[in-house]
């Protein structure tokens, strides 16, 4: 049964700030906090109250409530927040980029992150993840490209690329070096159980660099490995392949490499 709305939606603490503080206390590296976009959550709610007459008002009230939670997270010291899966790439392909439905979702997202210009906002997109499955056939970013690049408030846009064979990576070429946001490219797939080799990751990074300058490129996985995804060992080795692949390309560019403990021969268990 779908979750349902029984009363007016107002902010009640989700303890994001507390969760972040607990996590940040365990590491010296900055912790990026991830949360689901309210426009996605709002689409999965049934209305069972006379407080609302349509789903749009639900989404808008949720955006206003989440904005208070994200501001509290920022005030606690979090410097980077990732918003998971705005619906624009799905909806632009369905209704059109200029449709009322899509314009509303742009406004709702921007309301959700309003007042957070002093921290880094990541906008995550992919084409599905439950049980490592794609949830839609039309996986084109073309209709939503300008919306993500220019319409949404944010600093980094993550895009699924490896599982799509880097289709449409050329969309970024027209603004190479002048992109309004950094681009986080998926260099390993979250839908395959075969662990990517560092050399394969490096080749994908080189492909991205044909269209995006190094200063504006971030490398990650196509999506996370949760949502009933692959087991932890596979996820771990895919993640280390990203780090090792990045080091291969950094050497080629004359940049400093990073230390990858998982690749250190002295730390291997079978020595």
C-alpha atoms as a PDB file:
ATOM      1  CA  UNK A   1       0.000   0.000   0.000  1.00  0.00           C
ATOM      2  CA  UNK A   2       1.229   3.493  -0.881  1.00  0.00           C
ATOM      3  CA  UNK A   3       2.071   5.832   2.041  1.00  0.00           C
ATOM      4  CA  UNK A   4      -0.674   8.409   2.429  1.00  0.00           C
ATOM      5  CA  UNK A   5      -1.049  12.006   3.580  1.00  0.00           C
ATOM      6  CA  UNK A   6      -3.396  12.456   6.532  1.00  0.00           C
ATOM      7  CA  UNK A   7      -2.811  16.095   7.484  1.00  0.00           C
ATOM      8  CA  UNK A   8      -1.076  19.334   6.506  1.00  0.00           C
ATOM      9  CA  UNK A   9       2.621  18.744   5.805  1.00  0.00           C
ATOM     10  CA  UNK A  10       4.908  20.751   8.069  1.00  0.00           C
ATOM     11  CA  UNK A  11       8.531  20.456   9.083  1.00  0.00           C
ATOM     12  CA  UNK A  12       9.427  17.966  11.808  1.00  0.00           C
ATOM     13  CA  UNK A  13      13.085  17.203  12.368  1.00  0.00           C
ATOM     14  CA  UNK A  14      14.463  14.171  10.548  1.00  0.00           C
ATOM     15  CA  UNK A  15      17.666  14.391  12.621  1.00  0.00           C
ATOM     16  CA  UNK A  16      19.798  14.946   9.516  1.00  0.00           C
ATOM     17  CA  UNK A  17      22.099  17.240  11.492  1.00  0.00           C
ATOM     18  CA  UNK A  18      22.526  14.599  14.209  1.00  0.00           C
ATOM     19  CA  UNK A  19      23.200  11.843  11.684  1.00  0.00           C
ATOM     20  CA  UNK A  20      25.792  14.005   9.934  1.00  0.00           C
ATOM     21  CA  UNK A  21      27.551  14.909  13.190  1.00  0.00           C
ATOM     22  CA  UNK A  22      27.779  11.235  14.191  1.00  0.00           C
ATOM     23  CA  UNK A  23      29.222  10.327  10.804  1.00  0.00           C
ATOM     24  CA  UNK A  24      31.592  13.290  10.581  1.00  0.00           C
ATOM     25  CA  UNK A  25      33.009  12.440  14.008  1.00  0.00           C
ATOM     26  CA  UNK A  26      34.329   9.167  12.564  1.00  0.00           C
ATOM     27  CA  UNK A  27      36.529  10.670   9.844  1.00  0.00           C
ATOM     28  CA  UNK A  28      38.744  13.632   9.074  1.00  0.00           C
ATOM     29  CA  UNK A  29      37.451  13.734   5.511  1.00  0.00           C
ATOM     30  CA  UNK A  30      34.375  15.885   4.802  1.00  0.00           C
ATOM     31  CA  UNK A  31      31.137  13.889   4.721  1.00  0.00           C
ATOM     32  CA  UNK A  32      28.705  14.492   1.856  1.00  0.00           C
ATOM     33  CA  UNK A  33      25.138  13.985   3.070  1.00  0.00           C
ATOM     34  CA  UNK A  34      22.637  12.410   0.673  1.00  0.00           C
ATOM     35  CA  UNK A  35      18.860  12.718   0.803  1.00  0.00           C
ATOM     36  CA  UNK A  36      15.958  11.844  -1.469  1.00  0.00           C
ATOM     37  CA  UNK A  37      14.371  14.714  -3.385  1.00  0.00           C
ATOM     38  CA  UNK A  38      10.931  15.629  -2.058  1.00  0.00           C
ATOM     39  CA  UNK A  39       9.419  15.794  -5.540  1.00  0.00           C
ATOM     40  CA  UNK A  40      10.165  12.068  -5.900  1.00  0.00           C
ATOM     41  CA  UNK A  41       8.775  11.254  -2.457  1.00  0.00           C
ATOM     42  CA  UNK A  42       5.670  13.319  -3.146  1.00  0.00           C
ATOM     43  CA  UNK A  43       4.819  11.326  -6.247  1.00  0.00           C
ATOM     44  CA  UNK A  44       4.470   8.162  -4.163  1.00  0.00           C
ATOM     45  CA  UNK A  45       1.936   9.554  -1.720  1.00  0.00           C
ATOM     46  CA  UNK A  46      -1.811   9.019  -1.776  1.00  0.00           C
ATOM     47  CA  UNK A  47      -4.061  11.843  -0.572  1.00  0.00           C
ATOM     48  CA  UNK A  48      -6.413  10.842   2.230  1.00  0.00           C
ATOM     49  CA  UNK A  49      -7.240  14.248   3.663  1.00  0.00           C
ATOM     50  CA  UNK A  50      -9.200  17.357   2.777  1.00  0.00           C
ATOM     51  CA  UNK A  51      -6.067  19.425   3.483  1.00  0.00           C
ATOM     52  CA  UNK A  52      -4.973  18.871  -0.135  1.00  0.00           C
ATOM     53  CA  UNK A  53      -6.742  18.759  -3.446  1.00  0.00           C
ATOM     54  CA  UNK A  54      -3.771  17.907  -5.671  1.00  0.00           C
ATOM     55  CA  UNK A  55      -0.335  16.352  -5.509  1.00  0.00           C
ATOM     56  CA  UNK A  56       1.468  19.557  -6.468  1.00  0.00           C
ATOM     57  CA  UNK A  57       0.656  21.224  -3.173  1.00  0.00           C
ATOM     58  CA  UNK A  58       1.923  18.130  -1.378  1.00  0.00           C
ATOM     59  CA  UNK A  59       5.232  18.343  -3.238  1.00  0.00           C
ATOM     60  CA  UNK A  60       5.523  22.080  -2.591  1.00  0.00           C
ATOM     61  CA  UNK A  61       4.842  21.762   1.139  1.00  0.00           C
ATOM     62  CA  UNK A  62       7.337  18.914   1.343  1.00  0.00           C
ATOM     63  CA  UNK A  63       9.929  21.079  -0.442  1.00  0.00           C
ATOM     64  CA  UNK A  64       9.417  23.883   2.086  1.00  0.00           C
ATOM     65  CA  UNK A  65       9.670  21.439   4.989  1.00  0.00           C
ATOM     66  CA  UNK A  66      12.799  19.769   3.583  1.00  0.00           C
ATOM     67  CA  UNK A  67      14.405  23.163   3.032  1.00  0.00           C
ATOM     68  CA  UNK A  68      14.254  23.776   6.786  1.00  0.00           C
ATOM     69  CA  UNK A  69      15.855  20.381   7.408  1.00  0.00           C
ATOM     70  CA  UNK A  70      18.640  21.057   4.903  1.00  0.00           C
ATOM     71  CA  UNK A  71      19.306  24.487   6.388  1.00  0.00           C
ATOM     72  CA  UNK A  72      19.660  22.891   9.815  1.00  0.00           C
ATOM     73  CA  UNK A  73      22.066  20.370   8.301  1.00  0.00           C
ATOM     74  CA  UNK A  74      24.100  23.215   6.815  1.00  0.00           C
ATOM     75  CA  UNK A  75      24.073  25.084  10.126  1.00  0.00           C
ATOM     76  CA  UNK A  76      25.450  21.968  11.847  1.00  0.00           C
ATOM     77  CA  UNK A  77      28.545  22.241   9.645  1.00  0.00           C
ATOM     78  CA  UNK A  78      27.796  20.077   6.613  1.00  0.00           C
ATOM     79  CA  UNK A  79      29.430  21.614   3.542  1.00  0.00           C
ATOM     80  CA  UNK A  80      28.107  19.296   0.841  1.00  0.00           C
ATOM     81  CA  UNK A  81      24.603  17.876   0.312  1.00  0.00           C
ATOM     82  CA  UNK A  82      23.532  15.530  -2.474  1.00  0.00           C
ATOM     83  CA  UNK A  83      19.893  15.602  -3.576  1.00  0.00           C
ATOM     84  CA  UNK A  84      18.833  12.283  -5.052  1.00  0.00           C
ATOM     85  CA  UNK A  85      16.923  12.013  -8.276  1.00  0.00           C
ATOM     86  CA  UNK A  86      14.902  15.038  -9.328  1.00  0.00           C
ATOM     87  CA  UNK A  87      12.335  13.850 -11.858  1.00  0.00           C
ATOM     88  CA  UNK A  88      13.247  16.190 -14.710  1.00  0.00           C
ATOM     89  CA  UNK A  89      14.998  13.639 -16.939  1.00  0.00           C
ATOM     90  CA  UNK A  90      12.006  11.290 -16.665  1.00  0.00           C
ATOM     91  CA  UNK A  91       9.360  13.987 -17.007  1.00  0.00           C
ATOM     92  CA  UNK A  92      11.019  15.983 -19.786  1.00  0.00           C
ATOM     93  CA  UNK A  93      11.019  12.834 -21.933  1.00  0.00           C
ATOM     94  CA  UNK A  94       7.356  12.229 -21.093  1.00  0.00           C
ATOM     95  CA  UNK A  95       5.762  15.679 -21.015  1.00  0.00           C
ATOM     96  CA  UNK A  96       8.344  17.882 -22.748  1.00  0.00           C
ATOM     97  CA  UNK A  97      10.947  20.215 -21.267  1.00  0.00           C
ATOM     98  CA  UNK A  98       8.629  23.238 -21.535  1.00  0.00           C
ATOM     99  CA  UNK A  99       5.568  21.573 -20.026  1.00  0.00           C
ATOM    100  CA  UNK A 100       3.782  22.874 -16.945  1.00  0.00           C
ATOM    101  CA  UNK A 101       4.617  19.622 -15.157  1.00  0.00           C
ATOM    102  CA  UNK A 102       8.350  20.064 -15.678  1.00  0.00           C
ATOM    103  CA  UNK A 103       8.364  23.793 -14.914  1.00  0.00           C
ATOM    104  CA  UNK A 104       6.669  23.089 -11.604  1.00  0.00           C
ATOM    105  CA  UNK A 105       9.240  20.451 -10.699  1.00  0.00           C
ATOM    106  CA  UNK A 106      12.051  22.906 -11.424  1.00  0.00           C
ATOM    107  CA  UNK A 107      10.452  25.457  -9.103  1.00  0.00           C
ATOM    108  CA  UNK A 108       9.887  22.797  -6.420  1.00  0.00           C
ATOM    109  CA  UNK A 109      13.510  21.657  -6.504  1.00  0.00           C
ATOM    110  CA  UNK A 110      14.820  25.206  -6.327  1.00  0.00           C
ATOM    111  CA  UNK A 111      12.540  25.880  -3.352  1.00  0.00           C
ATOM    112  CA  UNK A 112      13.926  22.798  -1.631  1.00  0.00           C
ATOM    113  CA  UNK A 113      17.534  24.057  -1.852  1.00  0.00           C
ATOM    114  CA  UNK A 114      16.754  27.750  -1.415  1.00  0.00           C
ATOM    115  CA  UNK A 115      19.235  29.629   0.769  1.00  0.00           C
ATOM    116  CA  UNK A 116      21.953  26.981   0.509  1.00  0.00           C
ATOM    117  CA  UNK A 117      24.217  28.895  -1.857  1.00  0.00           C
ATOM    118  CA  UNK A 118      27.070  28.837   0.673  1.00  0.00           C
ATOM    119  CA  UNK A 119      27.527  25.043   0.459  1.00  0.00           C
ATOM    120  CA  UNK A 120      28.045  22.614  -2.412  1.00  0.00           C
ATOM    121  CA  UNK A 121      24.857  21.054  -3.760  1.00  0.00           C
ATOM    122  CA  UNK A 122      25.088  17.861  -5.813  1.00  0.00           C
ATOM    123  CA  UNK A 123      22.182  16.853  -8.074  1.00  0.00           C
ATOM    124  CA  UNK A 124      22.150  13.099  -8.616  1.00  0.00           C
ATOM    125  CA  UNK A 125      20.444  11.498 -11.616  1.00  0.00           C
ATOM    126  CA  UNK A 126      20.382   8.006 -13.054  1.00  0.00           C
ATOM    127  CA  UNK A 127      17.808   5.788 -14.751  1.00  0.00           C
ATOM    128  CA  UNK A 128      16.851   3.447 -11.961  1.00  0.00           C
ATOM    129  CA  UNK A 129      18.488   1.281  -9.338  1.00  0.00           C
ATOM    130  CA  UNK A 130      16.043  -1.045  -7.492  1.00  0.00           C
ATOM    131  CA  UNK A 131      17.506  -4.560  -7.682  1.00  0.00           C
ATOM    132  CA  UNK A 132      20.093  -3.160 -10.114  1.00  0.00           C
ATOM    133  CA  UNK A 133      17.386  -2.541 -12.729  1.00  0.00           C
ATOM    134  CA  UNK A 134      16.778   0.326 -15.115  1.00  0.00           C
ATOM    135  CA  UNK A 135      13.197   1.526 -14.643  1.00  0.00           C
ATOM    136  CA  UNK A 136      12.608   3.250 -17.989  1.00  0.00           C
ATOM    137  CA  UNK A 137      13.476   2.559 -21.627  1.00  0.00           C
ATOM    138  CA  UNK A 138      14.031   6.123 -22.803  1.00  0.00           C
ATOM    139  CA  UNK A 139      17.250   7.057 -21.007  1.00  0.00           C
ATOM    140  CA  UNK A 140      18.106  10.194 -22.993  1.00  0.00           C
ATOM    141  CA  UNK A 141      19.335  13.329 -21.198  1.00  0.00           C
ATOM    142  CA  UNK A 142      18.860  15.509 -24.275  1.00  0.00           C
ATOM    143  CA  UNK A 143      15.472  16.983 -23.327  1.00  0.00           C
ATOM    144  CA  UNK A 144      16.521  17.720 -19.741  1.00  0.00           C
ATOM    145  CA  UNK A 145      20.123  18.814 -20.365  1.00  0.00           C
ATOM    146  CA  UNK A 146      19.485  22.549 -20.175  1.00  0.00           C
ATOM    147  CA  UNK A 147      17.186  22.116 -17.189  1.00  0.00           C
ATOM    148  CA  UNK A 148      19.925  20.449 -15.152  1.00  0.00           C
ATOM    149  CA  UNK A 149      22.728  22.655 -16.412  1.00  0.00           C
ATOM    150  CA  UNK A 150      20.964  25.998 -16.108  1.00  0.00           C
ATOM    151  CA  UNK A 151      17.511  25.619 -14.566  1.00  0.00           C
ATOM    152  CA  UNK A 152      18.323  24.000 -11.229  1.00  0.00           C
ATOM    153  CA  UNK A 153      20.237  25.544  -8.361  1.00  0.00           C
ATOM    154  CA  UNK A 154      23.309  23.470  -7.624  1.00  0.00           C
ATOM    155  CA  UNK A 155      27.010  22.972  -8.178  1.00  0.00           C
ATOM    156  CA  UNK A 156      27.460  19.375  -9.419  1.00  0.00           C
ATOM    157  CA  UNK A 157      25.293  17.272 -11.735  1.00  0.00           C
ATOM    158  CA  UNK A 158      25.849  13.499 -11.618  1.00  0.00           C
ATOM    159  CA  UNK A 159      25.027  11.555 -14.783  1.00  0.00           C
ATOM    160  CA  UNK A 160      24.784   7.857 -15.577  1.00  0.00           C
ATOM    161  CA  UNK A 161      27.242   7.105 -18.366  1.00  0.00           C
ATOM    162  CA  UNK A 162      28.961   3.712 -18.173  1.00  0.00           C
ATOM    163  CA  UNK A 163      25.775   1.625 -18.292  1.00  0.00           C
ATOM    164  CA  UNK A 164      24.631   3.790 -21.224  1.00  0.00           C
ATOM    165  CA  UNK A 165      27.928   3.355 -23.121  1.00  0.00           C
ATOM    166  CA  UNK A 166      28.571   7.077 -22.687  1.00  0.00           C
ATOM    167  CA  UNK A 167      25.656   7.976 -24.942  1.00  0.00           C
ATOM    168  CA  UNK A 168      25.213  11.767 -25.281  1.00  0.00           C
ATOM    169  CA  UNK A 169      28.472  12.668 -23.527  1.00  0.00           C
ATOM    170  CA  UNK A 170      28.941  15.013 -26.479  1.00  0.00           C
ATOM    171  CA  UNK A 171      26.137  17.200 -25.084  1.00  0.00           C
ATOM    172  CA  UNK A 172      28.744  18.752 -22.773  1.00  0.00           C
ATOM    173  CA  UNK A 173      31.216  19.581 -25.551  1.00  0.00           C
ATOM    174  CA  UNK A 174      29.495  22.794 -26.629  1.00  0.00           C
ATOM    175  CA  UNK A 175      30.311  24.407 -23.278  1.00  0.00           C
ATOM    176  CA  UNK A 176      33.628  22.695 -22.623  1.00  0.00           C
ATOM    177  CA  UNK A 177      35.504  24.685 -20.006  1.00  0.00           C
ATOM    178  CA  UNK A 178      32.499  26.960 -19.439  1.00  0.00           C
ATOM    179  CA  UNK A 179      29.930  24.631 -17.921  1.00  0.00           C
ATOM    180  CA  UNK A 180      27.741  26.310 -15.277  1.00  0.00           C
ATOM    181  CA  UNK A 181      28.108  23.198 -13.087  1.00  0.00           C
ATOM    182  CA  UNK A 182      30.715  20.526 -12.555  1.00  0.00           C
ATOM    183  CA  UNK A 183      29.785  17.154 -14.024  1.00  0.00           C
ATOM    184  CA  UNK A 184      30.128  13.909 -12.065  1.00  0.00           C
ATOM    185  CA  UNK A 185      30.394  11.086 -14.591  1.00  0.00           C
ATOM    186  CA  UNK A 186      29.625   7.475 -13.754  1.00  0.00           C
ATOM    187  CA  UNK A 187      32.732   5.434 -14.612  1.00  0.00           C
ATOM    188  CA  UNK A 188      31.484   2.080 -13.272  1.00  0.00           C
ATOM    189  CA  UNK A 189      28.035   0.554 -13.592  1.00  0.00           C
ATOM    190  CA  UNK A 190      25.851  -0.249 -10.586  1.00  0.00           C
ATOM    191  CA  UNK A 191      23.969  -2.865 -12.640  1.00  0.00           C
ATOM    192  CA  UNK A 192      26.791  -5.307 -13.422  1.00  0.00           C
ATOM    193  CA  UNK A 193      28.441  -7.822 -11.108  1.00  0.00           C
ATOM    194  CA  UNK A 194      31.709  -7.839 -13.047  1.00  0.00           C
ATOM    195  CA  UNK A 195      34.269  -5.654 -11.286  1.00  0.00           C
ATOM    196  CA  UNK A 196      35.693  -3.004 -13.587  1.00  0.00           C
ATOM    197  CA  UNK A 197      39.457  -2.910 -14.084  1.00  0.00           C
ATOM    198  CA  UNK A 198      41.278   0.385 -13.366  1.00  0.00           C
ATOM    199  CA  UNK A 199      42.339   0.478 -17.034  1.00  0.00           C
ATOM    200  CA  UNK A 200      38.688   0.338 -18.111  1.00  0.00           C
ATOM    201  CA  UNK A 201      37.815   3.172 -15.740  1.00  0.00           C
ATOM    202  CA  UNK A 202      40.737   5.216 -17.071  1.00  0.00           C
ATOM    203  CA  UNK A 203      39.514   4.730 -20.657  1.00  0.00           C
ATOM    204  CA  UNK A 204      36.080   6.014 -19.691  1.00  0.00           C
ATOM    205  CA  UNK A 205      37.598   9.033 -17.979  1.00  0.00           C
ATOM    206  CA  UNK A 206      39.574   9.816 -21.128  1.00  0.00           C
ATOM    207  CA  UNK A 207      36.325   9.625 -23.100  1.00  0.00           C
ATOM    208  CA  UNK A 208      34.719  12.141 -20.737  1.00  0.00           C
ATOM    209  CA  UNK A 209      37.747  14.437 -20.967  1.00  0.00           C
ATOM    210  CA  UNK A 210      37.199  14.764 -24.703  1.00  0.00           C
ATOM    211  CA  UNK A 211      34.108  16.825 -23.840  1.00  0.00           C
ATOM    212  CA  UNK A 212      34.654  18.103 -20.264  1.00  0.00           C
ATOM    213  CA  UNK A 213      37.717  19.902 -18.900  1.00  0.00           C
ATOM    214  CA  UNK A 214      39.518  18.192 -15.991  1.00  0.00           C
ATOM    215  CA  UNK A 215      38.712  21.103 -13.668  1.00  0.00           C
ATOM    216  CA  UNK A 216      34.999  20.489 -14.158  1.00  0.00           C
ATOM    217  CA  UNK A 217      35.015  16.684 -14.142  1.00  0.00           C
ATOM    218  CA  UNK A 218      34.299  14.453 -11.140  1.00  0.00           C
ATOM    219  CA  UNK A 219      34.393  10.659 -11.379  1.00  0.00           C
ATOM    220  CA  UNK A 220      32.065   8.320  -9.499  1.00  0.00           C
ATOM    221  CA  UNK A 221      29.780   5.330 -10.092  1.00  0.00           C
ATOM    222  CA  UNK A 222      26.661   5.514 -12.253  1.00  0.00           C
ATOM    223  CA  UNK A 223      24.599   5.301  -9.068  1.00  0.00           C
ATOM    224  CA  UNK A 224      25.037   4.014  -5.540  1.00  0.00           C
ATOM    225  CA  UNK A 225      25.174   0.326  -4.742  1.00  0.00           C
ATOM    226  CA  UNK A 226      22.225   0.214  -2.372  1.00  0.00           C
ATOM    227  CA  UNK A 227      18.546  -0.423  -3.115  1.00  0.00           C
ATOM    228  CA  UNK A 228      19.015  -4.230  -3.065  1.00  0.00           C
ATOM    229  CA  UNK A 229      22.119  -3.791  -5.206  1.00  0.00           C
ATOM    230  CA  UNK A 230      25.281  -5.853  -5.538  1.00  0.00           C
ATOM    231  CA  UNK A 231      27.071  -7.269  -2.503  1.00  0.00           C
ATOM    232  CA  UNK A 232      29.541  -5.225  -0.482  1.00  0.00           C
ATOM    233  CA  UNK A 233      32.677  -6.934  -1.827  1.00  0.00           C
ATOM    234  CA  UNK A 234      31.766  -6.110  -5.418  1.00  0.00           C
ATOM    235  CA  UNK A 235      30.834  -2.549  -4.470  1.00  0.00           C
ATOM    236  CA  UNK A 236      34.153  -2.152  -2.645  1.00  0.00           C
ATOM    237  CA  UNK A 237      36.249  -3.334  -5.571  1.00  0.00           C
ATOM    238  CA  UNK A 238      34.295  -1.187  -8.027  1.00  0.00           C
ATOM    239  CA  UNK A 239      34.934   1.821  -5.807  1.00  0.00           C
ATOM    240  CA  UNK A 240      38.657   1.071  -5.591  1.00  0.00           C
ATOM    241  CA  UNK A 241      38.766   0.696  -9.378  1.00  0.00           C
ATOM    242  CA  UNK A 242      37.451   4.261  -9.665  1.00  0.00           C
ATOM    243  CA  UNK A 243      40.255   5.548  -7.434  1.00  0.00           C
ATOM    244  CA  UNK A 244      42.930   3.561  -9.291  1.00  0.00           C
ATOM    245  CA  UNK A 245      41.564   4.556 -12.709  1.00  0.00           C
ATOM    246  CA  UNK A 246      41.617   8.207 -11.706  1.00  0.00           C
ATOM    247  CA  UNK A 247      45.266   7.845 -10.677  1.00  0.00           C
ATOM    248  CA  UNK A 248      46.170   6.449 -14.101  1.00  0.00           C
ATOM    249  CA  UNK A 249      44.698   9.526 -15.787  1.00  0.00           C
ATOM    250  CA  UNK A 250      46.148  11.920 -13.203  1.00  0.00           C
ATOM    251  CA  UNK A 251      49.626  10.625 -14.055  1.00  0.00           C
ATOM    252  CA  UNK A 252      48.967  11.239 -17.750  1.00  0.00           C
ATOM    253  CA  UNK A 253      47.869  14.805 -16.981  1.00  0.00           C
ATOM    254  CA  UNK A 254      50.837  15.460 -14.710  1.00  0.00           C
ATOM    255  CA  UNK A 255      48.629  15.738 -11.648  1.00  0.00           C
ATOM    256  CA  UNK A 256      49.255  14.431  -8.154  1.00  0.00           C
ATOM    257  CA  UNK A 257      47.867  10.959  -7.487  1.00  0.00           C
ATOM    258  CA  UNK A 258      46.035   9.852  -4.357  1.00  0.00           C
ATOM    259  CA  UNK A 259      46.890   6.993  -2.046  1.00  0.00           C
ATOM    260  CA  UNK A 260      44.612   3.964  -2.445  1.00  0.00           C
ATOM    261  CA  UNK A 261      45.070   1.606   0.545  1.00  0.00           C
ATOM    262  CA  UNK A 262      43.249  -1.239  -1.232  1.00  0.00           C
ATOM    263  CA  UNK A 263      45.912  -1.176  -3.960  1.00  0.00           C
ATOM    264  CA  UNK A 264      48.884  -1.063  -1.576  1.00  0.00           C
ATOM    265  CA  UNK A 265      50.863  -4.343  -1.938  1.00  0.00           C
ATOM    266  CA  UNK A 266      51.939  -4.159   1.709  1.00  0.00           C
ATOM    267  CA  UNK A 267      48.317  -4.290   2.855  1.00  0.00           C
ATOM    268  CA  UNK A 268      47.203  -7.329   0.857  1.00  0.00           C
ATOM    269  CA  UNK A 269      45.974 -10.254   2.923  1.00  0.00           C
ATOM    270  CA  UNK A 270      47.609 -12.949   0.750  1.00  0.00           C
ATOM    271  CA  UNK A 271      51.241 -11.782   1.122  1.00  0.00           C
END
